[in-house]
Amino acid sequence: MQNASPTLVVLTTGKEAFVRANAVLQMTLMLSKFGQKPVELLTLGPGIEILKANQKNSPQFAQQLNAMKEAGIEIAVCEQSMQNLGLTSDQMFEAKIVRGGEEVARRIQEGYTVLTF
């Protein structure tokens, strides 16, 4: 089932809702696998916590993030959210650093469907 509209998945849920964040990552991967192209994941606010490389659930998140990258999903993290939480790129899994609000606005202008969790 091919959809002509690209998709931006915005994750604002962090490790406080691990099961929900995990489900969003799985759903994002399935969107890509079932013909939804392109797909991008943007983490904002507490959602950036899934990209922290030094936490209890890091191995599970790393596995999911690697599968997403292999499927061609672009993963982005909000620069302002990183600053607000006192995080630096060397503490995070690899992701494109963007200005979150600008990224959402740009993707809307480009015709993306935006899903927020």
PDB file of N, CA and C in Angstrom:
ATOM      1  N   MET A   1       0.852  -1.177   0.000  1.00  0.00           N
ATOM      2  CA  MET A   1       0.000   0.000   0.000  1.00  0.00           C
ATOM      3  C   MET A   1       0.895   1.236   0.000  1.00  0.00           C
ATOM      4  N   GLN A   2       1.025   1.894  -1.108  1.00  0.00           N
ATOM      5  CA  GLN A   2       1.879   3.067  -1.252  1.00  0.00           C
ATOM      6  C   GLN A   2       1.069   4.336  -1.007  1.00  0.00           C
ATOM      7  N   ASN A   3       1.598   5.228  -0.196  1.00  0.00           N
ATOM      8  CA  ASN A   3       0.970   6.512   0.074  1.00  0.00           C
ATOM      9  C   ASN A   3       1.881   7.579  -0.512  1.00  0.00           C
ATOM     10  N   ALA A   4       1.320   8.509  -1.256  1.00  0.00           N
ATOM     11  CA  ALA A   4       2.118   9.540  -1.919  1.00  0.00           C
ATOM     12  C   ALA A   4       2.655  10.574  -0.941  1.00  0.00           C
ATOM     13  N   SER A   5       2.052  10.695   0.231  1.00  0.00           N
ATOM     14  CA  SER A   5       2.438  11.708   1.197  1.00  0.00           C
ATOM     15  C   SER A   5       3.551  11.200   2.113  1.00  0.00           C
ATOM     16  N   PRO A   6       4.686  11.916   2.170  1.00  0.00           N
ATOM     17  CA  PRO A   6       5.727  11.528   3.117  1.00  0.00           C
ATOM     18  C   PRO A   6       5.235  11.770   4.549  1.00  0.00           C
ATOM     19  N   THR A   7       5.884  11.144   5.518  1.00  0.00           N
ATOM     20  CA  THR A   7       5.420  11.213   6.898  1.00  0.00           C
ATOM     21  C   THR A   7       6.528  11.655   7.838  1.00  0.00           C
ATOM     22  N   LEU A   8       6.186  12.585   8.727  1.00  0.00           N
ATOM     23  CA  LEU A   8       7.052  13.003   9.821  1.00  0.00           C
ATOM     24  C   LEU A   8       6.404  12.521  11.107  1.00  0.00           C
ATOM     25  N   VAL A   9       7.102  11.663  11.839  1.00  0.00           N
ATOM     26  CA  VAL A   9       6.627  11.195  13.141  1.00  0.00           C
ATOM     27  C   VAL A   9       7.364  12.006  14.195  1.00  0.00           C
ATOM     28  N   VAL A  10       6.612  12.715  15.040  1.00  0.00           N
ATOM     29  CA  VAL A  10       7.195  13.555  16.082  1.00  0.00           C
ATOM     30  C   VAL A  10       6.989  12.857  17.422  1.00  0.00           C
ATOM     31  N   LEU A  11       8.078  12.550  18.096  1.00  0.00           N
ATOM     32  CA  LEU A  11       8.017  11.874  19.390  1.00  0.00           C
ATOM     33  C   LEU A  11       8.358  12.864  20.495  1.00  0.00           C
ATOM     34  N   THR A  12       7.391  13.134  21.361  1.00  0.00           N
ATOM     35  CA  THR A  12       7.608  14.006  22.515  1.00  0.00           C
ATOM     36  C   THR A  12       7.554  13.209  23.815  1.00  0.00           C
ATOM     37  N   THR A  13       7.297  11.911  23.704  1.00  0.00           N
ATOM     38  CA  THR A  13       7.230  11.025  24.865  1.00  0.00           C
ATOM     39  C   THR A  13       8.616  10.472  25.141  1.00  0.00           C
ATOM     40  N   GLY A  14       9.050  10.599  26.382  1.00  0.00           N
ATOM     41  CA  GLY A  14      10.378  10.114  26.742  1.00  0.00           C
ATOM     42  C   GLY A  14      10.339   8.819  27.508  1.00  0.00           C
ATOM     43  N   LYS A  15      11.399   8.596  28.273  1.00  0.00           N
ATOM     44  CA  LYS A  15      11.532   7.325  28.981  1.00  0.00           C
ATOM     45  C   LYS A  15      10.503   7.154  30.088  1.00  0.00           C
ATOM     46  N   GLU A  16       9.796   8.228  30.459  1.00  0.00           N
ATOM     47  CA  GLU A  16       8.744   8.096  31.470  1.00  0.00           C
ATOM     48  C   GLU A  16       7.606   7.225  30.962  1.00  0.00           C
ATOM     49  N   ALA A  17       7.501   7.094  29.674  1.00  0.00           N
ATOM     50  CA  ALA A  17       6.484   6.238  29.048  1.00  0.00           C
ATOM     51  C   ALA A  17       7.193   5.322  28.052  1.00  0.00           C
ATOM     52  N   PHE A  18       8.083   4.485  28.578  1.00  0.00           N
ATOM     53  CA  PHE A  18       8.928   3.624  27.752  1.00  0.00           C
ATOM     54  C   PHE A  18       8.118   2.797  26.759  1.00  0.00           C
ATOM     55  N   VAL A  19       7.041   2.182  27.228  1.00  0.00           N
ATOM     56  CA  VAL A  19       6.254   1.306  26.357  1.00  0.00           C
ATOM     57  C   VAL A  19       5.681   2.098  25.192  1.00  0.00           C
ATOM     58  N   ARG A  20       5.199   3.303  25.460  1.00  0.00           N
ATOM     59  CA  ARG A  20       4.640   4.139  24.388  1.00  0.00           C
ATOM     60  C   ARG A  20       5.728   4.552  23.399  1.00  0.00           C
ATOM     61  N   ALA A  21       6.876   5.003  23.907  1.00  0.00           N
ATOM     62  CA  ALA A  21       7.974   5.408  23.027  1.00  0.00           C
ATOM     63  C   ALA A  21       8.414   4.229  22.163  1.00  0.00           C
ATOM     64  N   ASN A  22       8.504   3.066  22.758  1.00  0.00           N
ATOM     65  CA  ASN A  22       8.881   1.858  22.033  1.00  0.00           C
ATOM     66  C   ASN A  22       7.871   1.552  20.923  1.00  0.00           C
ATOM     67  N   ALA A  23       6.590   1.685  21.240  1.00  0.00           N
ATOM     68  CA  ALA A  23       5.538   1.431  20.243  1.00  0.00           C
ATOM     69  C   ALA A  23       5.624   2.416  19.082  1.00  0.00           C
ATOM     70  N   VAL A  24       5.945   3.676  19.372  1.00  0.00           N
ATOM     71  CA  VAL A  24       6.061   4.687  18.316  1.00  0.00           C
ATOM     72  C   VAL A  24       7.229   4.347  17.391  1.00  0.00           C
ATOM     73  N   LEU A  25       8.339   3.887  17.951  1.00  0.00           N
ATOM     74  CA  LEU A  25       9.472   3.491  17.109  1.00  0.00           C
ATOM     75  C   LEU A  25       9.084   2.325  16.204  1.00  0.00           C
ATOM     76  N   GLN A  26       8.390   1.348  16.746  1.00  0.00           N
ATOM     77  CA  GLN A  26       7.949   0.204  15.949  1.00  0.00           C
ATOM     78  C   GLN A  26       6.990   0.636  14.840  1.00  0.00           C
ATOM     79  N   MET A  27       6.047   1.523  15.175  1.00  0.00           N
ATOM     80  CA  MET A  27       5.084   2.005  14.185  1.00  0.00           C
ATOM     81  C   MET A  27       5.798   2.763  13.065  1.00  0.00           C
ATOM     82  N   THR A  28       6.783   3.582  13.436  1.00  0.00           N
ATOM     83  CA  THR A  28       7.539   4.346  12.448  1.00  0.00           C
ATOM     84  C   THR A  28       8.255   3.403  11.482  1.00  0.00           C
ATOM     85  N   LEU A  29       8.843   2.358  12.010  1.00  0.00           N
ATOM     86  CA  LEU A  29       9.520   1.373  11.168  1.00  0.00           C
ATOM     87  C   LEU A  29       8.526   0.683  10.235  1.00  0.00           C
ATOM     88  N   MET A  30       7.362   0.348  10.731  1.00  0.00           N
ATOM     89  CA  MET A  30       6.349  -0.325   9.908  1.00  0.00           C
ATOM     90  C   MET A  30       5.829   0.596   8.800  1.00  0.00           C
ATOM     91  N   LEU A  31       5.703   1.894   9.088  1.00  0.00           N
ATOM     92  CA  LEU A  31       5.294   2.840   8.041  1.00  0.00           C
ATOM     93  C   LEU A  31       6.247   2.757   6.859  1.00  0.00           C
ATOM     94  N   SER A  32       7.526   2.706   7.157  1.00  0.00           N
ATOM     95  CA  SER A  32       8.532   2.639   6.100  1.00  0.00           C
ATOM     96  C   SER A  32       8.503   1.294   5.383  1.00  0.00           C
ATOM     97  N   LYS A  33       8.388   0.228   6.136  1.00  0.00           N
ATOM     98  CA  LYS A  33       8.419  -1.113   5.541  1.00  0.00           C
ATOM     99  C   LYS A  33       7.222  -1.383   4.642  1.00  0.00           C
ATOM    100  N   PHE A  34       6.106  -0.732   4.915  1.00  0.00           N
ATOM    101  CA  PHE A  34       4.902  -0.991   4.130  1.00  0.00           C
ATOM    102  C   PHE A  34       4.624   0.107   3.111  1.00  0.00           C
ATOM    103  N   GLY A  35       5.685   0.733   2.604  1.00  0.00           N
ATOM    104  CA  GLY A  35       5.560   1.605   1.455  1.00  0.00           C
ATOM    105  C   GLY A  35       5.380   3.077   1.710  1.00  0.00           C
ATOM    106  N   GLN A  36       5.361   3.498   2.955  1.00  0.00           N
ATOM    107  CA  GLN A  36       5.216   4.922   3.271  1.00  0.00           C
ATOM    108  C   GLN A  36       6.600   5.551   3.147  1.00  0.00           C
ATOM    109  N   LYS A  37       6.850   6.317   2.089  1.00  0.00           N
ATOM    110  CA  LYS A  37       8.176   6.896   1.863  1.00  0.00           C
ATOM    111  C   LYS A  37       8.061   8.368   1.521  1.00  0.00           C
ATOM    112  N   PRO A  38       8.960   9.199   1.906  1.00  0.00           N
ATOM    113  CA  PRO A  38       9.927   8.947   2.964  1.00  0.00           C
ATOM    114  C   PRO A  38       9.275   9.046   4.345  1.00  0.00           C
ATOM    115  N   VAL A  39       9.987   8.542   5.342  1.00  0.00           N
ATOM    116  CA  VAL A  39       9.552   8.625   6.732  1.00  0.00           C
ATOM    117  C   VAL A  39      10.695   9.238   7.525  1.00  0.00           C
ATOM    118  N   GLU A  40      10.357  10.184   8.382  1.00  0.00           N
ATOM    119  CA  GLU A  40      11.345  10.821   9.246  1.00  0.00           C
ATOM    120  C   GLU A  40      10.834  10.766  10.674  1.00  0.00           C
ATOM    121  N   LEU A  41      11.740  10.524  11.625  1.00  0.00           N
ATOM    122  CA  LEU A  41      11.425  10.575  13.049  1.00  0.00           C
ATOM    123  C   LEU A  41      12.100  11.797  13.628  1.00  0.00           C
ATOM    124  N   LEU A  42      11.326  12.655  14.278  1.00  0.00           N
ATOM    125  CA  LEU A  42      11.854  13.841  14.953  1.00  0.00           C
ATOM    126  C   LEU A  42      11.575  13.699  16.435  1.00  0.00           C
ATOM    127  N   THR A  43      12.620  13.781  17.257  1.00  0.00           N
ATOM    128  CA  THR A  43      12.440  13.723  18.703  1.00  0.00           C
ATOM    129  C   THR A  43      12.534  15.134  19.271  1.00  0.00           C
ATOM    130  N   LEU A  44      11.560  15.454  20.131  1.00  0.00           N
ATOM    131  CA  LEU A  44      11.466  16.780  20.755  1.00  0.00           C
ATOM    132  C   LEU A  44      11.254  16.624  22.256  1.00  0.00           C
ATOM    133  N   GLY A  45      11.666  17.636  23.029  1.00  0.00           N
ATOM    134  CA  GLY A  45      11.403  17.624  24.465  1.00  0.00           C
ATOM    135  C   GLY A  45      11.871  16.312  25.083  1.00  0.00           C
ATOM    136  N   PRO A  46      11.051  15.731  25.982  1.00  0.00           N
ATOM    137  CA  PRO A  46      11.437  14.466  26.613  1.00  0.00           C
ATOM    138  C   PRO A  46      11.657  13.337  25.610  1.00  0.00           C
ATOM    139  N   GLY A  47      11.129  13.465  24.408  1.00  0.00           N
ATOM    140  CA  GLY A  47      11.304  12.436  23.386  1.00  0.00           C
ATOM    141  C   GLY A  47      12.752  12.197  23.009  1.00  0.00           C
ATOM    142  N   ILE A  48      13.614  13.185  23.234  1.00  0.00           N
ATOM    143  CA  ILE A  48      15.026  13.004  22.879  1.00  0.00           C
ATOM    144  C   ILE A  48      15.712  11.992  23.779  1.00  0.00           C
ATOM    145  N   GLU A  49      15.082  11.669  24.924  1.00  0.00           N
ATOM    146  CA  GLU A  49      15.705  10.722  25.855  1.00  0.00           C
ATOM    147  C   GLU A  49      15.927   9.347  25.230  1.00  0.00           C
ATOM    148  N   ILE A  50      15.133   8.983  24.228  1.00  0.00           N
ATOM    149  CA  ILE A  50      15.341   7.673  23.596  1.00  0.00           C
ATOM    150  C   ILE A  50      16.660   7.619  22.837  1.00  0.00           C
ATOM    151  N   LEU A  51      17.244   8.781  22.570  1.00  0.00           N
ATOM    152  CA  LEU A  51      18.514   8.839  21.844  1.00  0.00           C
ATOM    153  C   LEU A  51      19.727   8.870  22.771  1.00  0.00           C
ATOM    154  N   LYS A  52      19.490   8.913  24.093  1.00  0.00           N
ATOM    155  CA  LYS A  52      20.611   8.897  25.038  1.00  0.00           C
ATOM    156  C   LYS A  52      21.283   7.533  24.993  1.00  0.00           C
ATOM    157  N   ALA A  53      22.584   7.537  24.810  1.00  0.00           N
ATOM    158  CA  ALA A  53      23.325   6.291  24.618  1.00  0.00           C
ATOM    159  C   ALA A  53      23.753   5.628  25.922  1.00  0.00           C
ATOM    160  N   ASN A  54      23.515   6.269  27.060  1.00  0.00           N
ATOM    161  CA  ASN A  54      24.051   5.747  28.326  1.00  0.00           C
ATOM    162  C   ASN A  54      22.962   5.475  29.364  1.00  0.00           C
ATOM    163  N   GLN A  55      21.855   4.902  28.956  1.00  0.00           N
ATOM    164  CA  GLN A  55      20.786   4.614  29.908  1.00  0.00           C
ATOM    165  C   GLN A  55      20.447   3.124  29.892  1.00  0.00           C
ATOM    166  N   LYS A  56      19.630   2.720  30.839  1.00  0.00           N
ATOM    167  CA  LYS A  56      19.290   1.303  31.010  1.00  0.00           C
ATOM    168  C   LYS A  56      18.740   0.678  29.729  1.00  0.00           C
ATOM    169  N   ASN A  57      17.874   1.391  29.023  1.00  0.00           N
ATOM    170  CA  ASN A  57      17.223   0.851  27.830  1.00  0.00           C
ATOM    171  C   ASN A  57      17.976   1.156  26.538  1.00  0.00           C
ATOM    172  N   SER A  58      19.182   1.689  26.634  1.00  0.00           N
ATOM    173  CA  SER A  58      19.941   2.063  25.440  1.00  0.00           C
ATOM    174  C   SER A  58      20.139   0.922  24.449  1.00  0.00           C
ATOM    175  N   PRO A  59      20.474  -0.293  24.891  1.00  0.00           N
ATOM    176  CA  PRO A  59      20.672  -1.365  23.901  1.00  0.00           C
ATOM    177  C   PRO A  59      19.414  -1.648  23.070  1.00  0.00           C
ATOM    178  N   GLN A  60      18.254  -1.635  23.707  1.00  0.00           N
ATOM    179  CA  GLN A  60      17.012  -1.884  22.968  1.00  0.00           C
ATOM    180  C   GLN A  60      16.729  -0.747  21.997  1.00  0.00           C
ATOM    181  N   PHE A  61      16.891   0.499  22.459  1.00  0.00           N
ATOM    182  CA  PHE A  61      16.668   1.631  21.569  1.00  0.00           C
ATOM    183  C   PHE A  61      17.679   1.618  20.429  1.00  0.00           C
ATOM    184  N   ALA A  62      18.937   1.269  20.709  1.00  0.00           N
ATOM    185  CA  ALA A  62      19.964   1.221  19.661  1.00  0.00           C
ATOM    186  C   ALA A  62      19.574   0.234  18.571  1.00  0.00           C
ATOM    187  N   GLN A  63      19.075  -0.913  18.968  1.00  0.00           N
ATOM    188  CA  GLN A  63      18.654  -1.927  18.001  1.00  0.00           C
ATOM    189  C   GLN A  63      17.530  -1.393  17.114  1.00  0.00           C
ATOM    190  N   GLN A  64      16.540  -0.749  17.725  1.00  0.00           N
ATOM    191  CA  GLN A  64      15.422  -0.205  16.949  1.00  0.00           C
ATOM    192  C   GLN A  64      15.873   0.927  16.039  1.00  0.00           C
ATOM    193  N   LEU A  65      16.707   1.815  16.557  1.00  0.00           N
ATOM    194  CA  LEU A  65      17.174   2.948  15.758  1.00  0.00           C
ATOM    195  C   LEU A  65      18.007   2.464  14.573  1.00  0.00           C
ATOM    196  N   ASN A  66      18.835   1.450  14.775  1.00  0.00           N
ATOM    197  CA  ASN A  66      19.621   0.895  13.668  1.00  0.00           C
ATOM    198  C   ASN A  66      18.721   0.286  12.602  1.00  0.00           C
ATOM    199  N   ALA A  67      17.682  -0.427  13.025  1.00  0.00           N
ATOM    200  CA  ALA A  67      16.735  -1.004  12.057  1.00  0.00           C
ATOM    201  C   ALA A  67      16.039   0.101  11.270  1.00  0.00           C
ATOM    202  N   MET A  68      15.727   1.201  11.947  1.00  0.00           N
ATOM    203  CA  MET A  68      15.074   2.325  11.274  1.00  0.00           C
ATOM    204  C   MET A  68      16.010   2.946  10.241  1.00  0.00           C
ATOM    205  N   LYS A  69      17.266   3.140  10.613  1.00  0.00           N
ATOM    206  CA  LYS A  69      18.239   3.709   9.673  1.00  0.00           C
ATOM    207  C   LYS A  69      18.423   2.801   8.463  1.00  0.00           C
ATOM    208  N   GLU A  70      18.491   1.490   8.708  1.00  0.00           N
ATOM    209  CA  GLU A  70      18.635   0.534   7.607  1.00  0.00           C
ATOM    210  C   GLU A  70      17.436   0.582   6.668  1.00  0.00           C
ATOM    211  N   ALA A  71      16.270   0.954   7.202  1.00  0.00           N
ATOM    212  CA  ALA A  71      15.053   1.064   6.390  1.00  0.00           C
ATOM    213  C   ALA A  71      14.964   2.416   5.682  1.00  0.00           C
ATOM    214  N   GLY A  72      15.972   3.285   5.892  1.00  0.00           N
ATOM    215  CA  GLY A  72      15.985   4.581   5.219  1.00  0.00           C
ATOM    216  C   GLY A  72      15.268   5.688   5.959  1.00  0.00           C
ATOM    217  N   ILE A  73      14.944   5.469   7.217  1.00  0.00           N
ATOM    218  CA  ILE A  73      14.262   6.486   8.016  1.00  0.00           C
ATOM    219  C   ILE A  73      15.297   7.468   8.540  1.00  0.00           C
ATOM    220  N   GLU A  74      15.052   8.753   8.303  1.00  0.00           N
ATOM    221  CA  GLU A  74      15.934   9.782   8.840  1.00  0.00           C
ATOM    222  C   GLU A  74      15.530  10.044  10.286  1.00  0.00           C
ATOM    223  N   ILE A  75      16.507  10.082  11.186  1.00  0.00           N
ATOM    224  CA  ILE A  75      16.257  10.326  12.600  1.00  0.00           C
ATOM    225  C   ILE A  75      16.848  11.682  12.946  1.00  0.00           C
ATOM    226  N   ALA A  76      16.015  12.539  13.545  1.00  0.00           N
ATOM    227  CA  ALA A  76      16.445  13.894  13.882  1.00  0.00           C
ATOM    228  C   ALA A  76      16.157  14.179  15.353  1.00  0.00           C
ATOM    229  N   VAL A  77      16.961  15.045  15.931  1.00  0.00           N
ATOM    230  CA  VAL A  77      16.802  15.450  17.325  1.00  0.00           C
ATOM    231  C   VAL A  77      16.794  16.976  17.384  1.00  0.00           C
ATOM    232  N   CYS A  78      15.960  17.514  18.259  1.00  0.00           N
ATOM    233  CA  CYS A  78      15.841  18.965  18.394  1.00  0.00           C
ATOM    234  C   CYS A  78      17.022  19.527  19.190  1.00  0.00           C
ATOM    235  N   GLU A  79      17.711  20.461  18.578  1.00  0.00           N
ATOM    236  CA  GLU A  79      18.866  21.104  19.201  1.00  0.00           C
ATOM    237  C   GLU A  79      18.477  21.826  20.489  1.00  0.00           C
ATOM    238  N   GLN A  80      17.365  22.543  20.469  1.00  0.00           N
ATOM    239  CA  GLN A  80      16.923  23.291  21.650  1.00  0.00           C
ATOM    240  C   GLN A  80      16.584  22.348  22.799  1.00  0.00           C
ATOM    241  N   SER A  81      15.946  21.226  22.480  1.00  0.00           N
ATOM    242  CA  SER A  81      15.626  20.236  23.518  1.00  0.00           C
ATOM    243  C   SER A  81      16.902  19.678  24.135  1.00  0.00           C
ATOM    244  N   MET A  82      17.918  19.440  23.317  1.00  0.00           N
ATOM    245  CA  MET A  82      19.198  18.959  23.839  1.00  0.00           C
ATOM    246  C   MET A  82      19.788  19.979  24.805  1.00  0.00           C
ATOM    247  N   GLN A  83      19.756  21.251  24.416  1.00  0.00           N
ATOM    248  CA  GLN A  83      20.285  22.301  25.282  1.00  0.00           C
ATOM    249  C   GLN A  83      19.488  22.390  26.576  1.00  0.00           C
ATOM    250  N   ASN A  84      18.159  22.316  26.465  1.00  0.00           N
ATOM    251  CA  ASN A  84      17.302  22.421  27.650  1.00  0.00           C
ATOM    252  C   ASN A  84      17.548  21.289  28.647  1.00  0.00           C
ATOM    253  N   LEU A  85      17.879  20.103  28.133  1.00  0.00           N
ATOM    254  CA  LEU A  85      18.130  18.954  29.005  1.00  0.00           C
ATOM    255  C   LEU A  85      19.618  18.773  29.325  1.00  0.00           C
ATOM    256  N   GLY A  86      20.450  19.704  28.851  1.00  0.00           N
ATOM    257  CA  GLY A  86      21.876  19.656  29.148  1.00  0.00           C
ATOM    258  C   GLY A  86      22.607  18.502  28.490  1.00  0.00           C
ATOM    259  N   LEU A  87      22.154  18.103  27.309  1.00  0.00           N
ATOM    260  CA  LEU A  87      22.763  16.983  26.605  1.00  0.00           C
ATOM    261  C   LEU A  87      23.602  17.465  25.426  1.00  0.00           C
ATOM    262  N   THR A  88      24.648  16.713  25.129  1.00  0.00           N
ATOM    263  CA  THR A  88      25.498  17.012  23.984  1.00  0.00           C
ATOM    264  C   THR A  88      25.452  15.836  23.016  1.00  0.00           C
ATOM    265  N   SER A  89      25.868  16.077  21.791  1.00  0.00           N
ATOM    266  CA  SER A  89      25.781  15.037  20.763  1.00  0.00           C
ATOM    267  C   SER A  89      26.614  13.804  21.107  1.00  0.00           C
ATOM    268  N   ASP A  90      27.703  13.967  21.875  1.00  0.00           N
ATOM    269  CA  ASP A  90      28.514  12.800  22.225  1.00  0.00           C
ATOM    270  C   ASP A  90      27.836  11.890  23.253  1.00  0.00           C
ATOM    271  N   GLN A  91      26.734  12.339  23.849  1.00  0.00           N
ATOM    272  CA  GLN A  91      25.963  11.518  24.787  1.00  0.00           C
ATOM    273  C   GLN A  91      24.803  10.799  24.096  1.00  0.00           C
ATOM    274  N   MET A  92      24.645  11.055  22.800  1.00  0.00           N
ATOM    275  CA  MET A  92      23.462  10.593  22.083  1.00  0.00           C
ATOM    276  C   MET A  92      23.838   9.608  20.973  1.00  0.00           C
ATOM    277  N   PHE A  93      22.840   8.788  20.596  1.00  0.00           N
ATOM    278  CA  PHE A  93      22.989   8.007  19.376  1.00  0.00           C
ATOM    279  C   PHE A  93      22.990   8.981  18.205  1.00  0.00           C
ATOM    280  N   GLU A  94      23.563   8.570  17.102  1.00  0.00           N
ATOM    281  CA  GLU A  94      23.675   9.438  15.933  1.00  0.00           C
ATOM    282  C   GLU A  94      22.298   9.858  15.420  1.00  0.00           C
ATOM    283  N   ALA A  95      22.139  11.163  15.233  1.00  0.00           N
ATOM    284  CA  ALA A  95      20.906  11.731  14.687  1.00  0.00           C
ATOM    285  C   ALA A  95      21.234  13.098  14.099  1.00  0.00           C
ATOM    286  N   LYS A  96      20.448  13.496  13.138  1.00  0.00           N
ATOM    287  CA  LYS A  96      20.582  14.821  12.534  1.00  0.00           C
ATOM    288  C   LYS A  96      20.080  15.844  13.559  1.00  0.00           C
ATOM    289  N   ILE A  97      20.873  16.861  13.853  1.00  0.00           N
ATOM    290  CA  ILE A  97      20.481  17.887  14.819  1.00  0.00           C
ATOM    291  C   ILE A  97      19.782  19.016  14.072  1.00  0.00           C
ATOM    292  N   VAL A  98      18.548  19.305  14.487  1.00  0.00           N
ATOM    293  CA  VAL A  98      17.722  20.310  13.807  1.00  0.00           C
ATOM    294  C   VAL A  98      17.055  21.221  14.841  1.00  0.00           C
ATOM    295  N   ARG A  99      16.512  22.318  14.358  1.00  0.00           N
ATOM    296  CA  ARG A  99      15.637  23.167  15.178  1.00  0.00           C
ATOM    297  C   ARG A  99      14.237  22.579  15.019  1.00  0.00           C
ATOM    298  N   GLY A 100      13.700  22.003  16.077  1.00  0.00           N
ATOM    299  CA  GLY A 100      12.468  21.227  16.005  1.00  0.00           C
ATOM    300  C   GLY A 100      11.292  21.937  15.370  1.00  0.00           C
ATOM    301  N   GLY A 101      10.986  23.140  15.850  1.00  0.00           N
ATOM    302  CA  GLY A 101       9.848  23.883  15.303  1.00  0.00           C
ATOM    303  C   GLY A 101      10.023  24.206  13.832  1.00  0.00           C
ATOM    304  N   GLU A 102      11.233  24.583  13.461  1.00  0.00           N
ATOM    305  CA  GLU A 102      11.515  24.886  12.055  1.00  0.00           C
ATOM    306  C   GLU A 102      11.380  23.635  11.194  1.00  0.00           C
ATOM    307  N   GLU A 103      11.821  22.501  11.721  1.00  0.00           N
ATOM    308  CA  GLU A 103      11.740  21.240  10.973  1.00  0.00           C
ATOM    309  C   GLU A 103      10.281  20.861  10.719  1.00  0.00           C
ATOM    310  N   VAL A 104       9.445  20.989  11.747  1.00  0.00           N
ATOM    311  CA  VAL A 104       8.021  20.668  11.583  1.00  0.00           C
ATOM    312  C   VAL A 104       7.393  21.597  10.554  1.00  0.00           C
ATOM    313  N   ALA A 105       7.666  22.904  10.665  1.00  0.00           N
ATOM    314  CA  ALA A 105       7.092  23.874   9.722  1.00  0.00           C
ATOM    315  C   ALA A 105       7.537  23.579   8.289  1.00  0.00           C
ATOM    316  N   ARG A 106       8.817  23.275   8.120  1.00  0.00           N
ATOM    317  CA  ARG A 106       9.356  22.981   6.780  1.00  0.00           C
ATOM    318  C   ARG A 106       8.692  21.728   6.201  1.00  0.00           C
ATOM    319  N   ARG A 107       8.565  20.701   7.009  1.00  0.00           N
ATOM    320  CA  ARG A 107       7.961  19.457   6.523  1.00  0.00           C
ATOM    321  C   ARG A 107       6.488  19.647   6.173  1.00  0.00           C
ATOM    322  N   ILE A 108       5.773  20.442   6.927  1.00  0.00           N
ATOM    323  CA  ILE A 108       4.372  20.734   6.590  1.00  0.00           C
ATOM    324  C   ILE A 108       4.307  21.434   5.241  1.00  0.00           C
ATOM    325  N   GLN A 109       5.186  22.420   5.023  1.00  0.00           N
ATOM    326  CA  GLN A 109       5.221  23.129   3.738  1.00  0.00           C
ATOM    327  C   GLN A 109       5.559  22.180   2.593  1.00  0.00           C
ATOM    328  N   GLU A 110       6.334  21.141   2.874  1.00  0.00           N
ATOM    329  CA  GLU A 110       6.720  20.168   1.845  1.00  0.00           C
ATOM    330  C   GLU A 110       5.659  19.096   1.624  1.00  0.00           C
ATOM    331  N   GLY A 111       4.548  19.188   2.348  1.00  0.00           N
ATOM    332  CA  GLY A 111       3.452  18.246   2.141  1.00  0.00           C
ATOM    333  C   GLY A 111       3.490  16.997   2.996  1.00  0.00           C
ATOM    334  N   TYR A 112       4.324  16.982   4.013  1.00  0.00           N
ATOM    335  CA  TYR A 112       4.391  15.822   4.903  1.00  0.00           C
ATOM    336  C   TYR A 112       3.116  15.702   5.734  1.00  0.00           C
ATOM    337  N   THR A 113       2.725  14.476   6.017  1.00  0.00           N
ATOM    338  CA  THR A 113       1.731  14.190   7.037  1.00  0.00           C
ATOM    339  C   THR A 113       2.489  14.126   8.353  1.00  0.00           C
ATOM    340  N   VAL A 114       2.012  14.846   9.374  1.00  0.00           N
ATOM    341  CA  VAL A 114       2.702  14.886  10.659  1.00  0.00           C
ATOM    342  C   VAL A 114       1.900  14.099  11.687  1.00  0.00           C
ATOM    343  N   LEU A 115       2.547  13.115  12.298  1.00  0.00           N
ATOM    344  CA  LEU A 115       1.953  12.319  13.369  1.00  0.00           C
ATOM    345  C   LEU A 115       2.711  12.639  14.651  1.00  0.00           C
ATOM    346  N   THR A 116       2.005  13.060  15.696  1.00  0.00           N
ATOM    347  CA  THR A 116       2.649  13.470  16.939  1.00  0.00           C
ATOM    348  C   THR A 116       2.255  12.547  18.081  1.00  0.00           C
ATOM    349  N   PHE A 117       3.266  12.107  18.824  1.00  0.00           N
ATOM    350  CA  PHE A 117       3.045  11.222  19.973  1.00  0.00           C
ATOM    351  C   PHE A 117       3.803  11.738  21.180  1.00  0.00           C
TER     352      PHE A 117
END
